[in-house]
Amino acid sequence: DGTLESEFSGNLVEICPTGVFTDKTHSERYNRKWDMQFAPSICQQCSIGCNISPGERYGELRRIENRYNGTVNHYFLCDRGRFGYGYVNLKDR
């Protein structure tokens, strides 16, 4: 009861105008969006190749946002692509 189960639920964070839905992975190491540097890239989590904008600060990947591409992913990004970047910042990598 009350559980949202969708592989695209992370998109609610970007489209919610009130801030009810938040990105808990980003909240752990919060920083202002204008303090981050974003660059265009392609998601590596599956073979679709969604367009993304990874954001970094102090040499650490902090957030991944969707990037519009009308033929591939439009405005949407799956949860694997949005939240599956934790391995990038591991020290033993």
C-alpha atoms as a PDB file:
ATOM      1  CA  ASP A   1       0.000   0.000   0.000  1.00  0.00           C
ATOM      2  CA  GLY A   2       1.457   3.347  -1.027  1.00  0.00           C
ATOM      3  CA  THR A   3       4.503   1.895  -2.811  1.00  0.00           C
ATOM      4  CA  LEU A   4       5.391   3.162  -6.255  1.00  0.00           C
ATOM      5  CA  GLU A   5       7.057   0.457  -8.309  1.00  0.00           C
ATOM      6  CA  SER A   6       8.182   1.664 -11.703  1.00  0.00           C
ATOM      7  CA  GLU A   7      11.517   1.604 -13.484  1.00  0.00           C
ATOM      8  CA  PHE A   8      10.944   5.255 -14.394  1.00  0.00           C
ATOM      9  CA  SER A   9       9.962   6.596 -10.952  1.00  0.00           C
ATOM     10  CA  GLY A  10      13.091   8.772 -10.771  1.00  0.00           C
ATOM     11  CA  ASN A  11      11.574  11.062 -13.393  1.00  0.00           C
ATOM     12  CA  LEU A  12       9.116  12.279 -10.755  1.00  0.00           C
ATOM     13  CA  VAL A  13      12.003  14.100  -9.068  1.00  0.00           C
ATOM     14  CA  GLU A  14      12.530  16.289 -12.126  1.00  0.00           C
ATOM     15  CA  ILE A  15       8.897  17.005 -12.970  1.00  0.00           C
ATOM     16  CA  CYS A  16       7.480  17.511  -9.463  1.00  0.00           C
ATOM     17  CA  PRO A  17       6.852  21.260  -9.048  1.00  0.00           C
ATOM     18  CA  THR A  18       6.468  21.153  -5.251  1.00  0.00           C
ATOM     19  CA  GLY A  19       9.518  19.127  -4.219  1.00  0.00           C
ATOM     20  CA  VAL A  20       7.479  16.314  -2.674  1.00  0.00           C
ATOM     21  CA  PHE A  21       9.575  13.759  -4.545  1.00  0.00           C
ATOM     22  CA  THR A  22      13.287  14.098  -3.789  1.00  0.00           C
ATOM     23  CA  ASP A  23      16.456  12.333  -4.864  1.00  0.00           C
ATOM     24  CA  LYS A  24      17.766  10.690  -1.682  1.00  0.00           C
ATOM     25  CA  THR A  25      21.064   9.737  -3.318  1.00  0.00           C
ATOM     26  CA  HIS A  26      21.696  13.409  -4.076  1.00  0.00           C
ATOM     27  CA  SER A  27      20.553  14.494  -0.601  1.00  0.00           C
ATOM     28  CA  GLU A  28      23.368  12.522   1.060  1.00  0.00           C
ATOM     29  CA  ARG A  29      25.983  14.865  -0.440  1.00  0.00           C
ATOM     30  CA  TYR A  30      23.866  17.860  -1.257  1.00  0.00           C
ATOM     31  CA  ASN A  31      25.248  20.751  -3.238  1.00  0.00           C
ATOM     32  CA  ARG A  32      23.653  23.487  -5.272  1.00  0.00           C
ATOM     33  CA  LYS A  33      23.028  22.762  -8.910  1.00  0.00           C
ATOM     34  CA  TRP A  34      24.938  25.856 -10.020  1.00  0.00           C
ATOM     35  CA  ASP A  35      28.043  24.613  -8.153  1.00  0.00           C
ATOM     36  CA  MET A  36      28.208  21.496 -10.316  1.00  0.00           C
ATOM     37  CA  GLN A  37      29.652  21.054 -13.780  1.00  0.00           C
ATOM     38  CA  PHE A  38      27.543  19.093 -16.264  1.00  0.00           C
ATOM     39  CA  ALA A  39      28.635  17.597 -19.572  1.00  0.00           C
ATOM     40  CA  PRO A  40      26.681  15.771 -22.289  1.00  0.00           C
ATOM     41  CA  SER A  41      27.134  12.003 -22.306  1.00  0.00           C
ATOM     42  CA  ILE A  42      25.497   8.656 -23.109  1.00  0.00           C
ATOM     43  CA  CYS A  43      24.196   6.257 -20.442  1.00  0.00           C
ATOM     44  CA  GLN A  44      26.167   3.013 -20.069  1.00  0.00           C
ATOM     45  CA  GLN A  45      23.623   1.016 -18.042  1.00  0.00           C
ATOM     46  CA  CYS A  46      21.960  -0.722 -21.025  1.00  0.00           C
ATOM     47  CA  SER A  47      22.036  -0.867 -24.815  1.00  0.00           C
ATOM     48  CA  ILE A  48      19.452   1.880 -25.447  1.00  0.00           C
ATOM     49  CA  GLY A  49      22.006   4.679 -25.135  1.00  0.00           C
ATOM     50  CA  CYS A  50      19.919   7.352 -23.440  1.00  0.00           C
ATOM     51  CA  ASN A  51      21.302  10.867 -23.452  1.00  0.00           C
ATOM     52  CA  ILE A  52      22.363  12.050 -20.005  1.00  0.00           C
ATOM     53  CA  SER A  53      24.070  14.971 -18.301  1.00  0.00           C
ATOM     54  CA  PRO A  54      26.326  13.750 -15.489  1.00  0.00           C
ATOM     55  CA  GLY A  55      27.174  16.389 -12.912  1.00  0.00           C
ATOM     56  CA  GLU A  56      30.379  16.502 -10.907  1.00  0.00           C
ATOM     57  CA  ARG A  57      31.844  18.567  -8.129  1.00  0.00           C
ATOM     58  CA  TYR A  58      35.340  18.268  -6.664  1.00  0.00           C
ATOM     59  CA  GLY A  59      36.098  15.405  -9.060  1.00  0.00           C
ATOM     60  CA  GLU A  60      33.223  13.262  -7.799  1.00  0.00           C
ATOM     61  CA  LEU A  61      30.128  12.287  -9.766  1.00  0.00           C
ATOM     62  CA  ARG A  62      27.193  13.699  -7.798  1.00  0.00           C
ATOM     63  CA  ARG A  63      24.152  13.468 -10.039  1.00  0.00           C
ATOM     64  CA  ILE A  64      22.879  12.271 -13.407  1.00  0.00           C
ATOM     65  CA  GLU A  65      20.089  14.125 -15.163  1.00  0.00           C
ATOM     66  CA  ASN A  66      18.283  13.342 -18.372  1.00  0.00           C
ATOM     67  CA  ARG A  67      19.177  15.129 -21.589  1.00  0.00           C
ATOM     68  CA  TYR A  68      16.575  15.458 -24.328  1.00  0.00           C
ATOM     69  CA  ASN A  69      16.936  13.388 -27.486  1.00  0.00           C
ATOM     70  CA  GLY A  70      13.751  13.052 -29.532  1.00  0.00           C
ATOM     71  CA  THR A  71      14.729   9.787 -31.223  1.00  0.00           C
ATOM     72  CA  VAL A  72      16.127   7.898 -28.218  1.00  0.00           C
ATOM     73  CA  ASN A  73      14.769   8.814 -24.787  1.00  0.00           C
ATOM     74  CA  HIS A  74      12.871  12.100 -25.201  1.00  0.00           C
ATOM     75  CA  TYR A  75      12.811  13.663 -21.696  1.00  0.00           C
ATOM     76  CA  PHE A  76      12.906  10.410 -19.719  1.00  0.00           C
ATOM     77  CA  LEU A  77      15.613   8.322 -18.080  1.00  0.00           C
ATOM     78  CA  CYS A  78      15.210   4.951 -16.358  1.00  0.00           C
ATOM     79  CA  ASP A  79      16.168   4.483 -12.717  1.00  0.00           C
ATOM     80  CA  ARG A  80      19.244   2.402 -13.593  1.00  0.00           C
ATOM     81  CA  GLY A  81      20.608   5.289 -15.616  1.00  0.00           C
ATOM     82  CA  ARG A  82      19.659   7.927 -13.057  1.00  0.00           C
ATOM     83  CA  PHE A  83      20.735   6.187  -9.835  1.00  0.00           C
ATOM     84  CA  GLY A  84      23.179   3.467 -10.949  1.00  0.00           C
ATOM     85  CA  TYR A  85      26.360   5.525 -10.771  1.00  0.00           C
ATOM     86  CA  GLY A  86      27.547   4.680  -7.242  1.00  0.00           C
ATOM     87  CA  TYR A  87      30.364   2.461  -8.475  1.00  0.00           C
ATOM     88  CA  VAL A  88      32.038   5.405 -10.224  1.00  0.00           C
ATOM     89  CA  ASN A  89      33.127   7.042  -6.951  1.00  0.00           C
ATOM     90  CA  LEU A  90      34.410   3.893  -5.200  1.00  0.00           C
ATOM     91  CA  LYS A  91      37.986   4.178  -3.943  1.00  0.00           C
ATOM     92  CA  ASP A  92      38.861   0.537  -4.786  1.00  0.00           C
ATOM     93  CA  ARG A  93      37.792   0.889  -8.394  1.00  0.00           C
END
